[in-house]
Amino acid sequence: METQTYFVTKEGFEALTAEKDRLVVTGKPRALERVKHARDMGSLEDNDEYDAAREALNFIEGRINEIEDVLERAEIITQADIAQKAEITLGSTVTVEVSGKAQKITLVGSIEADVSQGKVSHESPVGEKLLGLKEGDIVKIELPQTTLEYKILKIHS
């Protein structure tokens, strides 16, 4: 069975590491204390506080495991990987024109994608179509509700 590689920027790797550390140092101990407090309230049967506390603890433990898995299989995208390439690659920041408006997009791994910050997954319809393009290239991208034309204005180094 092939294991998935998670592509992340150095900043993304550091953010995940910080989140994991925060959950381990403060989040999990607080959740454990909440479970203990709820257990001390008496019977566990029909104890909504205990159920909620266990659910919160399970969520935190699951998130810690998920982050550890990502960090273990992460491949960090460096500026050296991107520099001196005249085409869009994973980690590239590009300015594109869409519907007459310029917007800046950074192609990142799926774990880091956040459209509100201009970080688009290389596995998304937009990301897949942008990979390998050069400045001046135009591509039509079919999205669920529409088809948009993207013109590559600049690949930033």
N, C-alpha and C. Protein backbone atom coordinates (compact mmCIF):
# COMPACT_ATOMS: atom_id res chain seq x y z
N MET A 1 0.84 -1.19 0.00
CA MET A 1 0.00 0.00 0.00
C MET A 1 0.88 1.25 0.00
N GLU A 2 0.58 2.15 -0.92
CA GLU A 2 1.35 3.37 -1.04
C GLU A 2 0.88 4.38 -0.01
N THR A 3 1.84 5.01 0.67
CA THR A 3 1.47 6.02 1.65
C THR A 3 1.48 7.40 0.99
N GLN A 4 0.59 8.24 1.45
CA GLN A 4 0.45 9.57 0.88
C GLN A 4 1.53 10.49 1.41
N THR A 5 2.09 11.29 0.52
CA THR A 5 3.02 12.34 0.91
C THR A 5 2.23 13.63 1.01
N TYR A 6 2.46 14.37 2.07
CA TYR A 6 1.80 15.66 2.25
C TYR A 6 2.81 16.75 1.92
N PHE A 7 2.50 17.58 0.94
CA PHE A 7 3.38 18.68 0.56
C PHE A 7 2.98 19.91 1.36
N VAL A 8 3.94 20.47 2.08
CA VAL A 8 3.68 21.65 2.90
C VAL A 8 4.85 22.63 2.77
N THR A 9 4.53 23.89 2.94
CA THR A 9 5.59 24.90 2.99
C THR A 9 6.24 24.82 4.37
N LYS A 10 7.38 25.48 4.49
CA LYS A 10 8.06 25.53 5.79
C LYS A 10 7.14 26.16 6.83
N GLU A 11 6.43 27.22 6.42
CA GLU A 11 5.51 27.91 7.34
C GLU A 11 4.37 26.98 7.74
N GLY A 12 3.86 26.23 6.79
CA GLY A 12 2.78 25.28 7.09
C GLY A 12 3.25 24.20 8.04
N PHE A 13 4.46 23.69 7.83
CA PHE A 13 5.02 22.67 8.71
C PHE A 13 5.15 23.22 10.13
N GLU A 14 5.66 24.44 10.23
CA GLU A 14 5.83 25.07 11.55
C GLU A 14 4.48 25.32 12.22
N ALA A 15 3.48 25.70 11.45
CA ALA A 15 2.14 25.95 12.01
C ALA A 15 1.53 24.65 12.53
N LEU A 16 1.70 23.56 11.78
CA LEU A 16 1.18 22.27 12.24
C LEU A 16 1.91 21.80 13.49
N THR A 17 3.22 21.99 13.52
CA THR A 17 4.00 21.62 14.70
C THR A 17 3.54 22.41 15.92
N ALA A 18 3.32 23.71 15.73
CA ALA A 18 2.86 24.56 16.84
C ALA A 18 1.47 24.14 17.31
N GLU A 19 0.58 23.81 16.37
CA GLU A 19 -0.76 23.36 16.75
C GLU A 19 -0.69 22.06 17.56
N LYS A 20 0.13 21.13 17.08
CA LYS A 20 0.27 19.84 17.80
C LYS A 20 0.81 20.09 19.21
N ASP A 21 1.85 20.92 19.31
CA ASP A 21 2.43 21.22 20.62
C ASP A 21 1.40 21.85 21.55
N ARG A 22 0.62 22.78 21.02
CA ARG A 22 -0.42 23.45 21.84
C ARG A 22 -1.46 22.44 22.32
N LEU A 23 -1.87 21.54 21.43
CA LEU A 23 -2.86 20.53 21.81
C LEU A 23 -2.31 19.57 22.87
N VAL A 24 -1.05 19.18 22.72
CA VAL A 24 -0.43 18.24 23.65
C VAL A 24 -0.21 18.90 25.01
N VAL A 25 0.27 20.15 24.99
CA VAL A 25 0.63 20.83 26.23
C VAL A 25 -0.58 21.38 26.98
N THR A 26 -1.53 21.95 26.27
CA THR A 26 -2.66 22.57 26.98
C THR A 26 -4.01 21.93 26.65
N GLY A 27 -4.26 21.65 25.38
CA GLY A 27 -5.57 21.14 24.98
C GLY A 27 -5.94 19.80 25.59
N LYS A 28 -5.04 18.84 25.47
CA LYS A 28 -5.35 17.51 25.98
C LYS A 28 -5.44 17.48 27.51
N PRO A 29 -4.50 18.13 28.23
CA PRO A 29 -4.64 18.14 29.69
C PRO A 29 -5.95 18.79 30.17
N ARG A 30 -6.38 19.86 29.50
CA ARG A 30 -7.65 20.50 29.87
C ARG A 30 -8.82 19.55 29.61
N ALA A 31 -8.77 18.86 28.47
CA ALA A 31 -9.84 17.92 28.14
C ALA A 31 -9.87 16.76 29.13
N LEU A 32 -8.71 16.27 29.51
CA LEU A 32 -8.64 15.19 30.51
C LEU A 32 -9.21 15.65 31.86
N GLU A 33 -8.89 16.89 32.22
CA GLU A 33 -9.40 17.44 33.49
C GLU A 33 -10.92 17.57 33.42
N ARG A 34 -11.43 17.96 32.26
CA ARG A 34 -12.88 18.08 32.08
C ARG A 34 -13.56 16.71 32.21
N VAL A 35 -12.95 15.68 31.63
CA VAL A 35 -13.49 14.31 31.74
C VAL A 35 -13.49 13.88 33.20
N LYS A 36 -12.37 14.13 33.89
CA LYS A 36 -12.26 13.74 35.31
C LYS A 36 -13.33 14.45 36.15
N HIS A 37 -13.50 15.74 35.90
CA HIS A 37 -14.50 16.51 36.64
C HIS A 37 -15.91 15.96 36.38
N ALA A 38 -16.20 15.66 35.13
CA ALA A 38 -17.53 15.13 34.77
C ALA A 38 -17.74 13.75 35.39
N ARG A 39 -16.69 12.95 35.44
CA ARG A 39 -16.78 11.61 36.04
C ARG A 39 -17.06 11.72 37.54
N ASP A 40 -16.46 12.73 38.16
CA ASP A 40 -16.63 12.92 39.61
C ASP A 40 -18.03 13.42 39.97
N MET A 41 -18.81 13.81 38.97
CA MET A 41 -20.16 14.31 39.22
C MET A 41 -21.14 13.20 39.56
N GLY A 42 -20.69 11.96 39.45
CA GLY A 42 -21.57 10.85 39.79
C GLY A 42 -21.71 9.87 38.65
N SER A 43 -22.86 9.31 38.54
CA SER A 43 -23.14 8.28 37.55
C SER A 43 -22.80 8.74 36.13
N LEU A 44 -22.22 7.83 35.36
CA LEU A 44 -21.88 8.15 33.98
C LEU A 44 -23.07 7.95 33.06
N GLU A 45 -24.06 7.23 33.55
CA GLU A 45 -25.27 7.01 32.76
C GLU A 45 -26.06 8.32 32.72
N ASP A 46 -26.48 8.73 31.55
CA ASP A 46 -27.23 9.98 31.35
C ASP A 46 -26.45 11.19 31.84
N ASN A 47 -25.13 11.15 31.73
CA ASN A 47 -24.29 12.27 32.15
C ASN A 47 -23.83 12.99 30.87
N ASP A 48 -24.61 14.01 30.48
CA ASP A 48 -24.32 14.74 29.25
C ASP A 48 -22.96 15.43 29.29
N GLU A 49 -22.58 15.94 30.44
CA GLU A 49 -21.28 16.62 30.57
C GLU A 49 -20.14 15.62 30.33
N TYR A 50 -20.28 14.42 30.85
CA TYR A 50 -19.25 13.39 30.63
C TYR A 50 -19.16 13.03 29.15
N ASP A 51 -20.32 12.85 28.52
CA ASP A 51 -20.33 12.51 27.09
C ASP A 51 -19.67 13.62 26.26
N ALA A 52 -19.99 14.87 26.58
CA ALA A 52 -19.41 15.99 25.84
C ALA A 52 -17.91 16.10 26.09
N ALA A 53 -17.50 15.86 27.32
CA ALA A 53 -16.07 15.92 27.66
C ALA A 53 -15.29 14.82 26.94
N ARG A 54 -15.85 13.61 26.89
CA ARG A 54 -15.20 12.50 26.18
C ARG A 54 -15.11 12.80 24.68
N GLU A 55 -16.18 13.37 24.14
CA GLU A 55 -16.19 13.72 22.72
C GLU A 55 -15.10 14.75 22.41
N ALA A 56 -14.97 15.76 23.28
CA ALA A 56 -13.94 16.79 23.09
C ALA A 56 -12.54 16.17 23.18
N LEU A 57 -12.34 15.28 24.15
CA LEU A 57 -11.05 14.60 24.30
C LEU A 57 -10.74 13.75 23.08
N ASN A 58 -11.73 13.02 22.59
CA ASN A 58 -11.53 12.19 21.40
C ASN A 58 -11.17 13.04 20.19
N PHE A 59 -11.81 14.20 20.06
CA PHE A 59 -11.51 15.09 18.95
C PHE A 59 -10.06 15.56 19.02
N ILE A 60 -9.63 15.99 20.20
CA ILE A 60 -8.26 16.47 20.38
C ILE A 60 -7.25 15.36 20.10
N GLU A 61 -7.50 14.18 20.63
CA GLU A 61 -6.59 13.06 20.38
C GLU A 61 -6.54 12.71 18.89
N GLY A 62 -7.68 12.76 18.23
CA GLY A 62 -7.73 12.50 16.79
C GLY A 62 -6.95 13.54 16.00
N ARG A 63 -7.10 14.79 16.39
CA ARG A 63 -6.37 15.86 15.70
C ARG A 63 -4.86 15.72 15.92
N ILE A 64 -4.45 15.38 17.12
CA ILE A 64 -3.02 15.17 17.40
C ILE A 64 -2.49 14.04 16.51
N ASN A 65 -3.23 12.94 16.43
CA ASN A 65 -2.80 11.82 15.59
C ASN A 65 -2.73 12.21 14.12
N GLU A 66 -3.72 12.98 13.67
CA GLU A 66 -3.74 13.42 12.28
C GLU A 66 -2.53 14.30 11.97
N ILE A 67 -2.24 15.24 12.85
CA ILE A 67 -1.10 16.14 12.64
C ILE A 67 0.21 15.35 12.66
N GLU A 68 0.34 14.42 13.61
CA GLU A 68 1.56 13.61 13.66
C GLU A 68 1.75 12.82 12.38
N ASP A 69 0.66 12.29 11.83
CA ASP A 69 0.73 11.55 10.57
C ASP A 69 1.19 12.46 9.43
N VAL A 70 0.63 13.65 9.37
CA VAL A 70 1.01 14.60 8.32
C VAL A 70 2.48 14.98 8.46
N LEU A 71 2.90 15.31 9.67
CA LEU A 71 4.29 15.73 9.89
C LEU A 71 5.27 14.60 9.56
N GLU A 72 4.87 13.39 9.87
CA GLU A 72 5.73 12.24 9.59
C GLU A 72 5.93 12.01 8.09
N ARG A 73 4.90 12.30 7.33
CA ARG A 73 4.96 12.06 5.88
C ARG A 73 5.06 13.34 5.06
N ALA A 74 5.41 14.44 5.72
CA ALA A 74 5.48 15.73 5.05
C ALA A 74 6.74 15.86 4.21
N GLU A 75 6.56 16.48 3.07
CA GLU A 75 7.69 16.90 2.24
C GLU A 75 7.60 18.41 2.17
N ILE A 76 8.63 19.06 2.67
CA ILE A 76 8.61 20.52 2.75
C ILE A 76 9.00 21.11 1.40
N ILE A 77 8.16 22.02 0.91
CA ILE A 77 8.42 22.74 -0.33
C ILE A 77 9.31 23.92 0.02
N THR A 78 10.47 23.99 -0.59
CA THR A 78 11.39 25.09 -0.30
C THR A 78 11.46 26.06 -1.47
N GLN A 79 11.99 27.24 -1.21
CA GLN A 79 12.17 28.23 -2.28
C GLN A 79 13.10 27.69 -3.35
N ALA A 80 14.07 26.87 -2.97
CA ALA A 80 14.98 26.29 -3.96
C ALA A 80 14.22 25.40 -4.94
N ASP A 81 13.15 24.74 -4.47
CA ASP A 81 12.34 23.90 -5.34
C ASP A 81 11.62 24.74 -6.39
N ILE A 82 11.31 25.97 -6.02
CA ILE A 82 10.49 26.83 -6.87
C ILE A 82 11.35 27.75 -7.74
N ALA A 83 12.46 28.23 -7.15
CA ALA A 83 13.30 29.22 -7.83
C ALA A 83 13.79 28.69 -9.17
N GLN A 84 13.99 29.63 -10.07
CA GLN A 84 14.57 29.36 -11.38
C GLN A 84 13.71 28.46 -12.25
N LYS A 85 12.44 28.36 -11.95
CA LYS A 85 11.54 27.61 -12.82
C LYS A 85 10.63 28.62 -13.50
N ALA A 86 10.50 28.49 -14.78
CA ALA A 86 9.69 29.43 -15.54
C ALA A 86 8.24 28.96 -15.62
N GLU A 87 7.94 27.88 -14.91
CA GLU A 87 6.57 27.37 -14.94
C GLU A 87 6.04 27.22 -13.52
N ILE A 88 4.74 27.14 -13.44
CA ILE A 88 4.09 27.03 -12.13
C ILE A 88 4.30 25.63 -11.58
N THR A 89 4.81 25.57 -10.35
CA THR A 89 5.03 24.31 -9.66
C THR A 89 4.40 24.41 -8.26
N LEU A 90 4.41 23.33 -7.56
CA LEU A 90 3.93 23.32 -6.18
C LEU A 90 4.77 24.31 -5.39
N GLY A 91 4.12 25.22 -4.71
CA GLY A 91 4.79 26.26 -3.94
C GLY A 91 4.88 27.59 -4.66
N SER A 92 4.59 27.61 -5.96
CA SER A 92 4.64 28.86 -6.72
C SER A 92 3.55 29.82 -6.26
N THR A 93 3.91 31.09 -6.28
CA THR A 93 2.93 32.15 -6.10
C THR A 93 2.79 32.83 -7.45
N VAL A 94 1.58 32.96 -7.91
CA VAL A 94 1.32 33.53 -9.24
C VAL A 94 0.24 34.59 -9.15
N THR A 95 0.34 35.54 -10.06
CA THR A 95 -0.74 36.50 -10.24
C THR A 95 -1.47 36.09 -11.50
N VAL A 96 -2.76 35.90 -11.36
CA VAL A 96 -3.60 35.49 -12.49
C VAL A 96 -4.68 36.54 -12.69
N GLU A 97 -5.18 36.57 -13.91
CA GLU A 97 -6.33 37.42 -14.20
C GLU A 97 -7.53 36.51 -14.41
N VAL A 98 -8.57 36.76 -13.62
CA VAL A 98 -9.80 35.98 -13.71
C VAL A 98 -10.95 36.98 -13.75
N SER A 99 -11.77 36.87 -14.75
CA SER A 99 -12.93 37.76 -14.92
C SER A 99 -12.52 39.22 -14.86
N GLY A 100 -11.38 39.54 -15.46
CA GLY A 100 -10.92 40.92 -15.52
C GLY A 100 -10.26 41.44 -14.26
N LYS A 101 -10.10 40.59 -13.26
CA LYS A 101 -9.49 41.01 -12.00
C LYS A 101 -8.23 40.20 -11.74
N ALA A 102 -7.20 40.89 -11.27
CA ALA A 102 -5.95 40.21 -10.91
C ALA A 102 -6.07 39.68 -9.48
N GLN A 103 -5.58 38.47 -9.30
CA GLN A 103 -5.54 37.92 -7.95
C GLN A 103 -4.28 37.08 -7.80
N LYS A 104 -3.78 37.04 -6.58
CA LYS A 104 -2.57 36.30 -6.29
C LYS A 104 -2.95 34.95 -5.68
N ILE A 105 -2.33 33.90 -6.19
CA ILE A 105 -2.60 32.53 -5.74
C ILE A 105 -1.27 31.85 -5.42
N THR A 106 -1.24 31.11 -4.34
CA THR A 106 -0.10 30.27 -4.03
C THR A 106 -0.56 28.83 -4.10
N LEU A 107 0.15 28.01 -4.87
CA LEU A 107 -0.18 26.60 -5.00
C LEU A 107 0.47 25.84 -3.85
N VAL A 108 -0.34 25.20 -3.03
CA VAL A 108 0.15 24.48 -1.85
C VAL A 108 -0.41 23.06 -1.84
N GLY A 109 0.10 22.26 -0.91
CA GLY A 109 -0.45 20.93 -0.71
C GLY A 109 -1.84 21.02 -0.11
N SER A 110 -2.61 19.96 -0.23
CA SER A 110 -4.01 19.98 0.20
C SER A 110 -4.16 20.27 1.69
N ILE A 111 -3.19 19.90 2.50
CA ILE A 111 -3.29 20.10 3.95
C ILE A 111 -3.22 21.57 4.32
N GLU A 112 -2.62 22.39 3.45
CA GLU A 112 -2.44 23.81 3.72
C GLU A 112 -3.44 24.71 3.01
N ALA A 113 -4.23 24.15 2.13
CA ALA A 113 -5.12 24.95 1.29
C ALA A 113 -6.07 25.80 2.14
N ASP A 114 -6.20 27.05 1.75
CA ASP A 114 -7.11 27.99 2.40
C ASP A 114 -7.41 29.09 1.40
N VAL A 115 -8.50 28.94 0.67
CA VAL A 115 -8.83 29.86 -0.41
C VAL A 115 -8.94 31.29 0.10
N SER A 116 -9.39 31.48 1.33
CA SER A 116 -9.54 32.83 1.86
C SER A 116 -8.19 33.53 1.99
N GLN A 117 -7.10 32.77 2.02
CA GLN A 117 -5.76 33.34 2.09
C GLN A 117 -5.02 33.22 0.75
N GLY A 118 -5.74 32.81 -0.28
CA GLY A 118 -5.14 32.67 -1.59
C GLY A 118 -4.29 31.43 -1.76
N LYS A 119 -4.44 30.47 -0.85
CA LYS A 119 -3.68 29.22 -0.92
C LYS A 119 -4.58 28.14 -1.52
N VAL A 120 -4.21 27.71 -2.73
CA VAL A 120 -5.02 26.77 -3.49
C VAL A 120 -4.29 25.43 -3.56
N SER A 121 -5.01 24.36 -3.31
CA SER A 121 -4.42 23.02 -3.36
C SER A 121 -4.04 22.66 -4.79
N HIS A 122 -2.89 22.00 -4.91
CA HIS A 122 -2.46 21.53 -6.23
C HIS A 122 -3.35 20.40 -6.73
N GLU A 123 -4.20 19.85 -5.85
CA GLU A 123 -5.11 18.78 -6.22
C GLU A 123 -6.50 19.29 -6.60
N SER A 124 -6.74 20.58 -6.40
CA SER A 124 -8.04 21.17 -6.75
C SER A 124 -8.13 21.35 -8.26
N PRO A 125 -9.33 21.56 -8.78
CA PRO A 125 -9.47 21.79 -10.23
C PRO A 125 -8.60 22.96 -10.72
N VAL A 126 -8.56 24.04 -9.97
CA VAL A 126 -7.75 25.20 -10.36
C VAL A 126 -6.27 24.85 -10.27
N GLY A 127 -5.85 24.27 -9.15
CA GLY A 127 -4.45 23.92 -8.95
C GLY A 127 -3.93 22.96 -10.00
N GLU A 128 -4.72 21.94 -10.30
CA GLU A 128 -4.30 20.95 -11.31
C GLU A 128 -4.07 21.60 -12.66
N LYS A 129 -4.95 22.52 -13.05
CA LYS A 129 -4.85 23.17 -14.36
C LYS A 129 -3.71 24.19 -14.43
N LEU A 130 -3.36 24.79 -13.29
CA LEU A 130 -2.30 25.80 -13.30
C LEU A 130 -0.90 25.18 -13.34
N LEU A 131 -0.75 23.97 -12.80
CA LEU A 131 0.57 23.33 -12.76
C LEU A 131 1.16 23.24 -14.17
N GLY A 132 2.41 23.69 -14.30
CA GLY A 132 3.12 23.58 -15.56
C GLY A 132 2.93 24.75 -16.51
N LEU A 133 2.01 25.66 -16.19
CA LEU A 133 1.79 26.81 -17.07
C LEU A 133 2.90 27.84 -16.90
N LYS A 134 3.03 28.70 -17.91
CA LYS A 134 4.04 29.76 -17.92
C LYS A 134 3.34 31.11 -18.01
N GLU A 135 4.11 32.17 -17.76
CA GLU A 135 3.55 33.52 -17.88
C GLU A 135 2.98 33.71 -19.28
N GLY A 136 1.80 34.30 -19.34
CA GLY A 136 1.14 34.55 -20.61
C GLY A 136 0.17 33.45 -21.02
N ASP A 137 0.31 32.26 -20.43
CA ASP A 137 -0.59 31.16 -20.76
C ASP A 137 -2.02 31.48 -20.30
N ILE A 138 -2.97 30.95 -21.03
CA ILE A 138 -4.39 31.10 -20.69
C ILE A 138 -4.98 29.70 -20.63
N VAL A 139 -5.79 29.45 -19.60
CA VAL A 139 -6.42 28.15 -19.45
C VAL A 139 -7.86 28.34 -19.00
N LYS A 140 -8.75 27.52 -19.53
CA LYS A 140 -10.14 27.52 -19.09
C LYS A 140 -10.29 26.41 -18.06
N ILE A 141 -10.90 26.76 -16.95
CA ILE A 141 -11.06 25.81 -15.85
C ILE A 141 -12.55 25.63 -15.58
N GLU A 142 -12.99 24.39 -15.70
CA GLU A 142 -14.39 24.07 -15.43
C GLU A 142 -14.57 23.83 -13.93
N LEU A 143 -15.47 24.62 -13.37
CA LEU A 143 -15.82 24.48 -11.97
C LEU A 143 -17.27 24.00 -11.91
N PRO A 144 -17.74 23.55 -10.75
CA PRO A 144 -19.10 23.01 -10.67
C PRO A 144 -20.19 23.93 -11.23
N GLN A 145 -20.08 25.23 -10.98
CA GLN A 145 -21.13 26.15 -11.39
C GLN A 145 -20.83 26.93 -12.66
N THR A 146 -19.54 26.96 -13.08
CA THR A 146 -19.16 27.82 -14.20
C THR A 146 -17.83 27.39 -14.79
N THR A 147 -17.47 28.02 -15.88
CA THR A 147 -16.13 27.85 -16.46
C THR A 147 -15.46 29.21 -16.44
N LEU A 148 -14.23 29.25 -15.89
CA LEU A 148 -13.51 30.51 -15.80
C LEU A 148 -12.23 30.44 -16.62
N GLU A 149 -11.83 31.59 -17.13
CA GLU A 149 -10.59 31.68 -17.89
C GLU A 149 -9.54 32.34 -17.00
N TYR A 150 -8.41 31.67 -16.85
CA TYR A 150 -7.31 32.17 -16.05
C TYR A 150 -6.16 32.53 -16.99
N LYS A 151 -5.66 33.75 -16.86
CA LYS A 151 -4.48 34.16 -17.61
C LYS A 151 -3.34 34.35 -16.61
N ILE A 152 -2.20 33.72 -16.88
CA ILE A 152 -1.05 33.82 -15.98
C ILE A 152 -0.34 35.13 -16.27
N LEU A 153 -0.42 36.09 -15.33
CA LEU A 153 0.22 37.38 -15.51
C LEU A 153 1.67 37.38 -15.04
N LYS A 154 1.93 36.72 -13.89
CA LYS A 154 3.29 36.72 -13.34
C LYS A 154 3.48 35.51 -12.43
N ILE A 155 4.64 34.90 -12.57
CA ILE A 155 5.07 33.85 -11.64
C ILE A 155 6.11 34.51 -10.74
N HIS A 156 5.83 34.60 -9.46
CA HIS A 156 6.71 35.28 -8.50
C HIS A 156 7.80 34.31 -8.04
N SER A 157 8.99 34.85 -7.84
CA SER A 157 10.09 33.99 -7.36
C SER A 157 10.32 34.19 -5.90
